[in-house]
Amino acid sequence: MTLQTTKLPPQGGTARDIATAVNQALDGKLACVGTAAIPSGSTQLQVVDPLVTAGSAVLLVPTSTDARDATVAITDGSFTVTFAFATTGAGTLTYAVLG
């Protein structure tokens, strides 16, 4: 999933850049959302995302029934999703990283 958002440089940006970034955030267009493919027959899935830190909250949105009972373990730079049962088919998992 590719999300087109405006990222401001550390030193700031033009008034237009700032307004665009703020308006996108207010509209819910945040660059902290991603998707991961779940291989068939897997019991775990590691997702590497530079936004993830040990203090992050990772919110999962299972888009297949295999992912509905998943648990998450978080480390800096990645998180591991463990499924209650081996997946029966390929699927996807949408996630959001907060913090």
PDB file of N, CA and C in Angstrom:
ATOM      1  N   MET A   1       0.847  -1.163   0.000  1.00  0.00           N
ATOM      2  CA  MET A   1       0.000   0.000   0.000  1.00  0.00           C
ATOM      3  C   MET A   1       0.894   1.227   0.000  1.00  0.00           C
ATOM      4  N   THR A   2       0.698   2.090  -0.946  1.00  0.00           N
ATOM      5  CA  THR A   2       1.472   3.319  -1.012  1.00  0.00           C
ATOM      6  C   THR A   2       0.560   4.480  -0.666  1.00  0.00           C
ATOM      7  N   LEU A   3       1.003   5.274   0.281  1.00  0.00           N
ATOM      8  CA  LEU A   3       0.228   6.413   0.716  1.00  0.00           C
ATOM      9  C   LEU A   3       0.995   7.672   0.374  1.00  0.00           C
ATOM     10  N   GLN A   4       0.383   8.559  -0.360  1.00  0.00           N
ATOM     11  CA  GLN A   4       1.028   9.806  -0.744  1.00  0.00           C
ATOM     12  C   GLN A   4       0.789  10.836   0.351  1.00  0.00           C
ATOM     13  N   THR A   5       1.806  11.116   1.130  1.00  0.00           N
ATOM     14  CA  THR A   5       1.705  12.131   2.165  1.00  0.00           C
ATOM     15  C   THR A   5       2.846  13.114   1.995  1.00  0.00           C
ATOM     16  N   THR A   6       2.696  14.269   2.607  1.00  0.00           N
ATOM     17  CA  THR A   6       3.728  15.285   2.563  1.00  0.00           C
ATOM     18  C   THR A   6       4.553  15.185   3.831  1.00  0.00           C
ATOM     19  N   LYS A   7       5.840  14.931   3.682  1.00  0.00           N
ATOM     20  CA  LYS A   7       6.725  14.883   4.838  1.00  0.00           C
ATOM     21  C   LYS A   7       7.538  16.172   4.848  1.00  0.00           C
ATOM     22  N   LEU A   8       7.532  16.829   5.992  1.00  0.00           N
ATOM     23  CA  LEU A   8       8.236  18.105   6.105  1.00  0.00           C
ATOM     24  C   LEU A   8       9.688  17.873   6.494  1.00  0.00           C
ATOM     25  N   PRO A   9      10.612  18.674   5.958  1.00  0.00           N
ATOM     26  CA  PRO A   9      12.012  18.575   6.378  1.00  0.00           C
ATOM     27  C   PRO A   9      12.150  19.056   7.821  1.00  0.00           C
ATOM     28  N   PRO A  10      13.202  18.621   8.541  1.00  0.00           N
ATOM     29  CA  PRO A  10      13.371  19.020   9.943  1.00  0.00           C
ATOM     30  C   PRO A  10      13.410  20.533  10.150  1.00  0.00           C
ATOM     31  N   GLN A  11      13.916  21.265   9.180  1.00  0.00           N
ATOM     32  CA  GLN A  11      14.008  22.718   9.334  1.00  0.00           C
ATOM     33  C   GLN A  11      12.695  23.426   8.983  1.00  0.00           C
ATOM     34  N   GLY A  12      11.665  22.693   8.660  1.00  0.00           N
ATOM     35  CA  GLY A  12      10.366  23.282   8.340  1.00  0.00           C
ATOM     36  C   GLY A  12      10.101  23.252   6.858  1.00  0.00           C
ATOM     37  N   GLY A  13       9.093  23.938   6.441  1.00  0.00           N
ATOM     38  CA  GLY A  13       8.739  23.977   5.028  1.00  0.00           C
ATOM     39  C   GLY A  13       7.994  25.256   4.733  1.00  0.00           C
ATOM     40  N   THR A  14       7.525  25.357   3.514  1.00  0.00           N
ATOM     41  CA  THR A  14       6.750  26.535   3.143  1.00  0.00           C
ATOM     42  C   THR A  14       5.394  26.469   3.830  1.00  0.00           C
ATOM     43  N   ALA A  15       4.711  27.580   3.871  1.00  0.00           N
ATOM     44  CA  ALA A  15       3.376  27.615   4.475  1.00  0.00           C
ATOM     45  C   ALA A  15       2.446  26.625   3.767  1.00  0.00           C
ATOM     46  N   ARG A  16       2.585  26.523   2.462  1.00  0.00           N
ATOM     47  CA  ARG A  16       1.747  25.589   1.700  1.00  0.00           C
ATOM     48  C   ARG A  16       2.057  24.144   2.080  1.00  0.00           C
ATOM     49  N   ASP A  17       3.359  23.790   2.212  1.00  0.00           N
ATOM     50  CA  ASP A  17       3.748  22.440   2.612  1.00  0.00           C
ATOM     51  C   ASP A  17       3.187  22.088   3.984  1.00  0.00           C
ATOM     52  N   ILE A  18       3.293  23.021   4.911  1.00  0.00           N
ATOM     53  CA  ILE A  18       2.795  22.789   6.269  1.00  0.00           C
ATOM     54  C   ILE A  18       1.275  22.617   6.262  1.00  0.00           C
ATOM     55  N   ALA A  19       0.573  23.474   5.539  1.00  0.00           N
ATOM     56  CA  ALA A  19      -0.882  23.364   5.456  1.00  0.00           C
ATOM     57  C   ALA A  19      -1.297  22.034   4.837  1.00  0.00           C
ATOM     58  N   THR A  20      -0.598  21.590   3.799  1.00  0.00           N
ATOM     59  CA  THR A  20      -0.921  20.317   3.156  1.00  0.00           C
ATOM     60  C   THR A  20      -0.715  19.160   4.121  1.00  0.00           C
ATOM     61  N   ALA A  21       0.425  19.145   4.827  1.00  0.00           N
ATOM     62  CA  ALA A  21       0.715  18.072   5.781  1.00  0.00           C
ATOM     63  C   ALA A  21      -0.318  18.036   6.905  1.00  0.00           C
ATOM     64  N   VAL A  22      -0.671  19.182   7.440  1.00  0.00           N
ATOM     65  CA  VAL A  22      -1.658  19.247   8.524  1.00  0.00           C
ATOM     66  C   VAL A  22      -3.030  18.800   8.025  1.00  0.00           C
ATOM     67  N   ASN A  23      -3.437  19.261   6.863  1.00  0.00           N
ATOM     68  CA  ASN A  23      -4.733  18.866   6.318  1.00  0.00           C
ATOM     69  C   ASN A  23      -4.788  17.369   6.034  1.00  0.00           C
ATOM     70  N   GLN A  24      -3.704  16.784   5.530  1.00  0.00           N
ATOM     71  CA  GLN A  24      -3.677  15.342   5.303  1.00  0.00           C
ATOM     72  C   GLN A  24      -3.822  14.593   6.623  1.00  0.00           C
ATOM     73  N   ALA A  25      -3.129  15.046   7.662  1.00  0.00           N
ATOM     74  CA  ALA A  25      -3.237  14.395   8.974  1.00  0.00           C
ATOM     75  C   ALA A  25      -4.655  14.501   9.519  1.00  0.00           C
ATOM     76  N   LEU A  26      -5.283  15.665   9.375  1.00  0.00           N
ATOM     77  CA  LEU A  26      -6.655  15.848   9.840  1.00  0.00           C
ATOM     78  C   LEU A  26      -7.638  14.979   9.066  1.00  0.00           C
ATOM     79  N   ASP A  27      -7.309  14.674   7.811  1.00  0.00           N
ATOM     80  CA  ASP A  27      -8.154  13.808   6.989  1.00  0.00           C
ATOM     81  C   ASP A  27      -7.845  12.327   7.211  1.00  0.00           C
ATOM     82  N   GLY A  28      -6.917  12.023   8.135  1.00  0.00           N
ATOM     83  CA  GLY A  28      -6.585  10.632   8.432  1.00  0.00           C
ATOM     84  C   GLY A  28      -5.560  10.025   7.501  1.00  0.00           C
ATOM     85  N   LYS A  29      -4.915  10.822   6.679  1.00  0.00           N
ATOM     86  CA  LYS A  29      -3.902  10.316   5.743  1.00  0.00           C
ATOM     87  C   LYS A  29      -2.540  10.339   6.423  1.00  0.00           C
ATOM     88  N   LEU A  30      -2.291   9.344   7.234  1.00  0.00           N
ATOM     89  CA  LEU A  30      -1.046   9.247   7.982  1.00  0.00           C
ATOM     90  C   LEU A  30      -0.129   8.220   7.337  1.00  0.00           C
ATOM     91  N   ALA A  31       1.149   8.457   7.406  1.00  0.00           N
ATOM     92  CA  ALA A  31       2.127   7.562   6.787  1.00  0.00           C
ATOM     93  C   ALA A  31       2.568   6.463   7.752  1.00  0.00           C
ATOM     94  N   CYS A  32       1.668   6.007   8.603  1.00  0.00           N
ATOM     95  CA  CYS A  32       2.014   4.975   9.580  1.00  0.00           C
ATOM     96  C   CYS A  32       1.208   3.705   9.350  1.00  0.00           C
ATOM     97  N   VAL A  33       0.684   3.540   8.146  1.00  0.00           N
ATOM     98  CA  VAL A  33      -0.146   2.392   7.811  1.00  0.00           C
ATOM     99  C   VAL A  33       0.565   1.561   6.752  1.00  0.00           C
ATOM    100  N   GLY A  34       0.479   0.250   6.879  1.00  0.00           N
ATOM    101  CA  GLY A  34       1.097  -0.623   5.890  1.00  0.00           C
ATOM    102  C   GLY A  34       0.332  -1.925   5.757  1.00  0.00           C
ATOM    103  N   THR A  35       0.715  -2.739   4.794  1.00  0.00           N
ATOM    104  CA  THR A  35       0.138  -4.065   4.623  1.00  0.00           C
ATOM    105  C   THR A  35       1.266  -5.075   4.536  1.00  0.00           C
ATOM    106  N   ALA A  36       0.961  -6.292   4.918  1.00  0.00           N
ATOM    107  CA  ALA A  36       1.933  -7.384   4.840  1.00  0.00           C
ATOM    108  C   ALA A  36       1.237  -8.609   4.279  1.00  0.00           C
ATOM    109  N   ALA A  37       1.937  -9.330   3.431  1.00  0.00           N
ATOM    110  CA  ALA A  37       1.393 -10.554   2.852  1.00  0.00           C
ATOM    111  C   ALA A  37       1.610 -11.706   3.825  1.00  0.00           C
ATOM    112  N   ILE A  38       0.580 -12.506   4.020  1.00  0.00           N
ATOM    113  CA  ILE A  38       0.658 -13.679   4.885  1.00  0.00           C
ATOM    114  C   ILE A  38       0.797 -14.903   3.988  1.00  0.00           C
ATOM    115  N   PRO A  39       1.945 -15.599   4.062  1.00  0.00           N
ATOM    116  CA  PRO A  39       2.108 -16.791   3.238  1.00  0.00           C
ATOM    117  C   PRO A  39       1.221 -17.943   3.725  1.00  0.00           C
ATOM    118  N   SER A  40       0.792 -18.764   2.814  1.00  0.00           N
ATOM    119  CA  SER A  40      -0.022 -19.924   3.161  1.00  0.00           C
ATOM    120  C   SER A  40       0.778 -20.887   4.033  1.00  0.00           C
ATOM    121  N   GLY A  41       0.142 -21.418   5.065  1.00  0.00           N
ATOM    122  CA  GLY A  41       0.768 -22.409   5.942  1.00  0.00           C
ATOM    123  C   GLY A  41       1.679 -21.827   7.010  1.00  0.00           C
ATOM    124  N   SER A  42       1.695 -20.538   7.173  1.00  0.00           N
ATOM    125  CA  SER A  42       2.608 -19.933   8.152  1.00  0.00           C
ATOM    126  C   SER A  42       1.947 -19.834   9.521  1.00  0.00           C
ATOM    127  N   THR A  43       2.791 -19.845  10.557  1.00  0.00           N
ATOM    128  CA  THR A  43       2.317 -19.633  11.921  1.00  0.00           C
ATOM    129  C   THR A  43       2.848 -18.319  12.481  1.00  0.00           C
ATOM    130  N   GLN A  44       3.857 -17.749  11.818  1.00  0.00           N
ATOM    131  CA  GLN A  44       4.411 -16.463  12.217  1.00  0.00           C
ATOM    132  C   GLN A  44       4.744 -15.634  10.993  1.00  0.00           C
ATOM    133  N   LEU A  45       4.723 -14.330  11.202  1.00  0.00           N
ATOM    134  CA  LEU A  45       5.068 -13.397  10.146  1.00  0.00           C
ATOM    135  C   LEU A  45       5.835 -12.254  10.774  1.00  0.00           C
ATOM    136  N   GLN A  46       7.045 -11.988  10.285  1.00  0.00           N
ATOM    137  CA  GLN A  46       7.810 -10.843  10.770  1.00  0.00           C
ATOM    138  C   GLN A  46       7.654  -9.701   9.777  1.00  0.00           C
ATOM    139  N   VAL A  47       7.292  -8.538  10.294  1.00  0.00           N
ATOM    140  CA  VAL A  47       7.111  -7.350   9.477  1.00  0.00           C
ATOM    141  C   VAL A  47       8.177  -6.344   9.877  1.00  0.00           C
ATOM    142  N   VAL A  48       9.012  -5.954   8.929  1.00  0.00           N
ATOM    143  CA  VAL A  48      10.061  -4.966   9.172  1.00  0.00           C
ATOM    144  C   VAL A  48       9.526  -3.604   8.760  1.00  0.00           C
ATOM    145  N   ASP A  49       9.532  -2.667   9.706  1.00  0.00           N
ATOM    146  CA  ASP A  49       9.041  -1.319   9.443  1.00  0.00           C
ATOM    147  C   ASP A  49       9.853  -0.359  10.304  1.00  0.00           C
ATOM    148  N   PRO A  50      10.539   0.600   9.684  1.00  0.00           N
ATOM    149  CA  PRO A  50      11.397   1.503  10.456  1.00  0.00           C
ATOM    150  C   PRO A  50      10.637   2.397  11.440  1.00  0.00           C
ATOM    151  N   LEU A  51       9.325   2.503  11.306  1.00  0.00           N
ATOM    152  CA  LEU A  51       8.544   3.307  12.240  1.00  0.00           C
ATOM    153  C   LEU A  51       8.332   2.618  13.584  1.00  0.00           C
ATOM    154  N   VAL A  52       8.537   1.302  13.640  1.00  0.00           N
ATOM    155  CA  VAL A  52       8.253   0.530  14.848  1.00  0.00           C
ATOM    156  C   VAL A  52       9.395   0.667  15.850  1.00  0.00           C
ATOM    157  N   THR A  53       9.049   0.987  17.096  1.00  0.00           N
ATOM    158  CA  THR A  53       9.996   0.963  18.206  1.00  0.00           C
ATOM    159  C   THR A  53       9.394   0.098  19.306  1.00  0.00           C
ATOM    160  N   ALA A  54      10.204  -0.229  20.302  1.00  0.00           N
ATOM    161  CA  ALA A  54       9.721  -1.061  21.400  1.00  0.00           C
ATOM    162  C   ALA A  54       8.537  -0.416  22.120  1.00  0.00           C
ATOM    163  N   GLY A  55       8.411   0.909  22.051  1.00  0.00           N
ATOM    164  CA  GLY A  55       7.304   1.615  22.698  1.00  0.00           C
ATOM    165  C   GLY A  55       6.108   1.864  21.797  1.00  0.00           C
ATOM    166  N   SER A  56       6.121   1.332  20.583  1.00  0.00           N
ATOM    167  CA  SER A  56       5.020   1.549  19.640  1.00  0.00           C
ATOM    168  C   SER A  56       3.812   0.685  19.977  1.00  0.00           C
ATOM    169  N   ALA A  57       2.666   1.147  19.549  1.00  0.00           N
ATOM    170  CA  ALA A  57       1.452   0.332  19.546  1.00  0.00           C
ATOM    171  C   ALA A  57       1.205  -0.059  18.093  1.00  0.00           C
ATOM    172  N   VAL A  58       1.125  -1.350  17.836  1.00  0.00           N
ATOM    173  CA  VAL A  58       0.851  -1.843  16.485  1.00  0.00           C
ATOM    174  C   VAL A  58      -0.579  -2.353  16.475  1.00  0.00           C
ATOM    175  N   LEU A  59      -1.399  -1.733  15.663  1.00  0.00           N
ATOM    176  CA  LEU A  59      -2.805  -2.101  15.552  1.00  0.00           C
ATOM    177  C   LEU A  59      -2.994  -2.937  14.295  1.00  0.00           C
ATOM    178  N   LEU A  60      -3.537  -4.123  14.447  1.00  0.00           N
ATOM    179  CA  LEU A  60      -3.741  -5.029  13.318  1.00  0.00           C
ATOM    180  C   LEU A  60      -5.174  -4.973  12.830  1.00  0.00           C
ATOM    181  N   VAL A  61      -5.314  -5.042  11.514  1.00  0.00           N
ATOM    182  CA  VAL A  61      -6.621  -5.172  10.894  1.00  0.00           C
ATOM    183  C   VAL A  61      -6.555  -6.417  10.023  1.00  0.00           C
ATOM    184  N   PRO A  62      -6.983  -7.560  10.559  1.00  0.00           N
ATOM    185  CA  PRO A  62      -6.919  -8.781   9.761  1.00  0.00           C
ATOM    186  C   PRO A  62      -7.880  -8.705   8.585  1.00  0.00           C
ATOM    187  N   THR A  63      -7.385  -9.024   7.418  1.00  0.00           N
ATOM    188  CA  THR A  63      -8.231  -9.011   6.226  1.00  0.00           C
ATOM    189  C   THR A  63      -8.493 -10.430   5.735  1.00  0.00           C
ATOM    190  N   SER A  64      -8.174 -11.411   6.578  1.00  0.00           N
ATOM    191  CA  SER A  64      -8.520 -12.809   6.308  1.00  0.00           C
ATOM    192  C   SER A  64      -8.836 -13.471   7.645  1.00  0.00           C
ATOM    193  N   THR A  65      -9.611 -14.542   7.618  1.00  0.00           N
ATOM    194  CA  THR A  65     -10.009 -15.195   8.868  1.00  0.00           C
ATOM    195  C   THR A  65      -8.831 -15.817   9.595  1.00  0.00           C
ATOM    196  N   ASP A  66      -7.765 -16.194   8.878  1.00  0.00           N
ATOM    197  CA  ASP A  66      -6.596 -16.789   9.523  1.00  0.00           C
ATOM    198  C   ASP A  66      -5.912 -15.818  10.479  1.00  0.00           C
ATOM    199  N   ALA A  67      -6.028 -14.539  10.226  1.00  0.00           N
ATOM    200  CA  ALA A  67      -5.313 -13.541  11.018  1.00  0.00           C
ATOM    201  C   ALA A  67      -6.128 -12.983  12.173  1.00  0.00           C
ATOM    202  N   ARG A  68      -7.328 -13.450  12.354  1.00  0.00           N
ATOM    203  CA  ARG A  68      -8.188 -12.823  13.362  1.00  0.00           C
ATOM    204  C   ARG A  68      -7.757 -13.073  14.801  1.00  0.00           C
ATOM    205  N   ASP A  69      -7.073 -14.179  15.097  1.00  0.00           N
ATOM    206  CA  ASP A  69      -6.643 -14.485  16.460  1.00  0.00           C
ATOM    207  C   ASP A  69      -5.142 -14.305  16.628  1.00  0.00           C
ATOM    208  N   ALA A  70      -4.566 -13.365  15.922  1.00  0.00           N
ATOM    209  CA  ALA A  70      -3.116 -13.160  15.938  1.00  0.00           C
ATOM    210  C   ALA A  70      -2.687 -12.364  17.166  1.00  0.00           C
ATOM    211  N   THR A  71      -1.450 -12.627  17.609  1.00  0.00           N
ATOM    212  CA  THR A  71      -0.833 -11.834  18.674  1.00  0.00           C
ATOM    213  C   THR A  71       0.414 -11.170  18.101  1.00  0.00           C
ATOM    214  N   VAL A  72       0.875 -10.108  18.759  1.00  0.00           N
ATOM    215  CA  VAL A  72       1.987  -9.317  18.241  1.00  0.00           C
ATOM    216  C   VAL A  72       3.070  -9.183  19.296  1.00  0.00           C
ATOM    217  N   ALA A  73       4.325  -9.351  18.866  1.00  0.00           N
ATOM    218  CA  ALA A  73       5.499  -9.068  19.697  1.00  0.00           C
ATOM    219  C   ALA A  73       6.280  -7.967  18.984  1.00  0.00           C
ATOM    220  N   ILE A  74       6.605  -6.898  19.722  1.00  0.00           N
ATOM    221  CA  ILE A  74       7.203  -5.708  19.111  1.00  0.00           C
ATOM    222  C   ILE A  74       8.645  -5.540  19.565  1.00  0.00           C
ATOM    223  N   THR A  75       9.533  -5.253  18.597  1.00  0.00           N
ATOM    224  CA  THR A  75      10.914  -4.879  18.879  1.00  0.00           C
ATOM    225  C   THR A  75      11.234  -3.652  18.030  1.00  0.00           C
ATOM    226  N   ASP A  76      12.383  -3.043  18.271  1.00  0.00           N
ATOM    227  CA  ASP A  76      12.762  -1.884  17.466  1.00  0.00           C
ATOM    228  C   ASP A  76      12.945  -2.291  16.010  1.00  0.00           C
ATOM    229  N   GLY A  77      12.203  -1.662  15.120  1.00  0.00           N
ATOM    230  CA  GLY A  77      12.353  -1.885  13.690  1.00  0.00           C
ATOM    231  C   GLY A  77      11.509  -2.984  13.093  1.00  0.00           C
ATOM    232  N   SER A  78      10.814  -3.752  13.938  1.00  0.00           N
ATOM    233  CA  SER A  78       9.976  -4.819  13.391  1.00  0.00           C
ATOM    234  C   SER A  78       8.979  -5.303  14.435  1.00  0.00           C
ATOM    235  N   PHE A  79       8.029  -6.078  13.975  1.00  0.00           N
ATOM    236  CA  PHE A  79       7.130  -6.778  14.880  1.00  0.00           C
ATOM    237  C   PHE A  79       6.830  -8.148  14.297  1.00  0.00           C
ATOM    238  N   THR A  80       6.546  -9.096  15.177  1.00  0.00           N
ATOM    239  CA  THR A  80       6.256 -10.466  14.765  1.00  0.00           C
ATOM    240  C   THR A  80       4.811 -10.781  15.108  1.00  0.00           C
ATOM    241  N   VAL A  81       4.081 -11.269  14.133  1.00  0.00           N
ATOM    242  CA  VAL A  81       2.693 -11.663  14.311  1.00  0.00           C
ATOM    243  C   VAL A  81       2.659 -13.182  14.403  1.00  0.00           C
ATOM    244  N   THR A  82       2.052 -13.702  15.457  1.00  0.00           N
ATOM    245  CA  THR A  82       1.917 -15.152  15.629  1.00  0.00           C
ATOM    246  C   THR A  82       0.445 -15.507  15.488  1.00  0.00           C
ATOM    247  N   PHE A  83       0.164 -16.458  14.625  1.00  0.00           N
ATOM    248  CA  PHE A  83      -1.203 -16.876  14.359  1.00  0.00           C
ATOM    249  C   PHE A  83      -1.560 -18.062  15.248  1.00  0.00           C
ATOM    250  N   ALA A  84      -2.821 -18.146  15.675  1.00  0.00           N
ATOM    251  CA  ALA A  84      -3.275 -19.226  16.547  1.00  0.00           C
ATOM    252  C   ALA A  84      -3.130 -20.586  15.856  1.00  0.00           C
ATOM    253  N   PHE A  85      -3.321 -20.616  14.552  1.00  0.00           N
ATOM    254  CA  PHE A  85      -3.220 -21.841  13.761  1.00  0.00           C
ATOM    255  C   PHE A  85      -2.454 -21.530  12.488  1.00  0.00           C
ATOM    256  N   ALA A  86      -1.896 -22.539  11.860  1.00  0.00           N
ATOM    257  CA  ALA A  86      -1.235 -22.329  10.572  1.00  0.00           C
ATOM    258  C   ALA A  86      -2.267 -21.794   9.575  1.00  0.00           C
ATOM    259  N   THR A  87      -1.860 -20.791   8.821  1.00  0.00           N
ATOM    260  CA  THR A  87      -2.788 -20.191   7.869  1.00  0.00           C
ATOM    261  C   THR A  87      -3.147 -21.189   6.777  1.00  0.00           C
ATOM    262  N   THR A  88      -4.403 -21.152   6.352  1.00  0.00           N
ATOM    263  CA  THR A  88      -4.877 -22.105   5.351  1.00  0.00           C
ATOM    264  C   THR A  88      -4.711 -21.574   3.926  1.00  0.00           C
ATOM    265  N   GLY A  89      -4.505 -20.297   3.796  1.00  0.00           N
ATOM    266  CA  GLY A  89      -4.314 -19.706   2.480  1.00  0.00           C
ATOM    267  C   GLY A  89      -3.573 -18.415   2.608  1.00  0.00           C
ATOM    268  N   ALA A  90      -3.081 -17.920   1.489  1.00  0.00           N
ATOM    269  CA  ALA A  90      -2.388 -16.639   1.493  1.00  0.00           C
ATOM    270  C   ALA A  90      -3.384 -15.538   1.795  1.00  0.00           C
ATOM    271  N   GLY A  91      -2.949 -14.533   2.504  1.00  0.00           N
ATOM    272  CA  GLY A  91      -3.825 -13.418   2.838  1.00  0.00           C
ATOM    273  C   GLY A  91      -3.007 -12.165   3.076  1.00  0.00           C
ATOM    274  N   THR A  92      -3.657 -11.159   3.564  1.00  0.00           N
ATOM    275  CA  THR A  92      -2.965  -9.906   3.875  1.00  0.00           C
ATOM    276  C   THR A  92      -3.362  -9.441   5.265  1.00  0.00           C
ATOM    277  N   LEU A  93      -2.517  -8.600   5.792  1.00  0.00           N
ATOM    278  CA  LEU A  93      -2.734  -8.026   7.103  1.00  0.00           C
ATOM    279  C   LEU A  93      -2.445  -6.540   6.987  1.00  0.00           C
ATOM    280  N   THR A  94      -3.363  -5.702   7.364  1.00  0.00           N
ATOM    281  CA  THR A  94      -3.144  -4.259   7.364  1.00  0.00           C
ATOM    282  C   THR A  94      -2.829  -3.851   8.795  1.00  0.00           C
ATOM    283  N   TYR A  95      -1.869  -2.938   8.948  1.00  0.00           N
ATOM    284  CA  TYR A  95      -1.472  -2.518  10.294  1.00  0.00           C
ATOM    285  C   TYR A  95      -1.223  -1.015  10.341  1.00  0.00           C
ATOM    286  N   ALA A  96      -1.307  -0.476  11.560  1.00  0.00           N
ATOM    287  CA  ALA A  96      -0.979   0.922  11.815  1.00  0.00           C
ATOM    288  C   ALA A  96      -0.011   0.958  12.984  1.00  0.00           C
ATOM    289  N   VAL A  97       1.010   1.801  12.870  1.00  0.00           N
ATOM    290  CA  VAL A  97       2.009   1.959  13.922  1.00  0.00           C
ATOM    291  C   VAL A  97       1.786   3.322  14.567  1.00  0.00           C
ATOM    292  N   LEU A  98       1.546   3.313  15.871  1.00  0.00           N
ATOM    293  CA  LEU A  98       1.354   4.552  16.611  1.00  0.00           C
ATOM    294  C   LEU A  98       2.441   4.660  17.685  1.00  0.00           C
ATOM    295  N   GLY A  99       3.072   5.794  17.745  1.00  0.00           N
ATOM    296  CA  GLY A  99       4.097   6.030  18.767  1.00  0.00           C
ATOM    297  C   GLY A  99       5.467   5.571  18.373  1.00  0.00           C
TER     298      GLY A  99
END
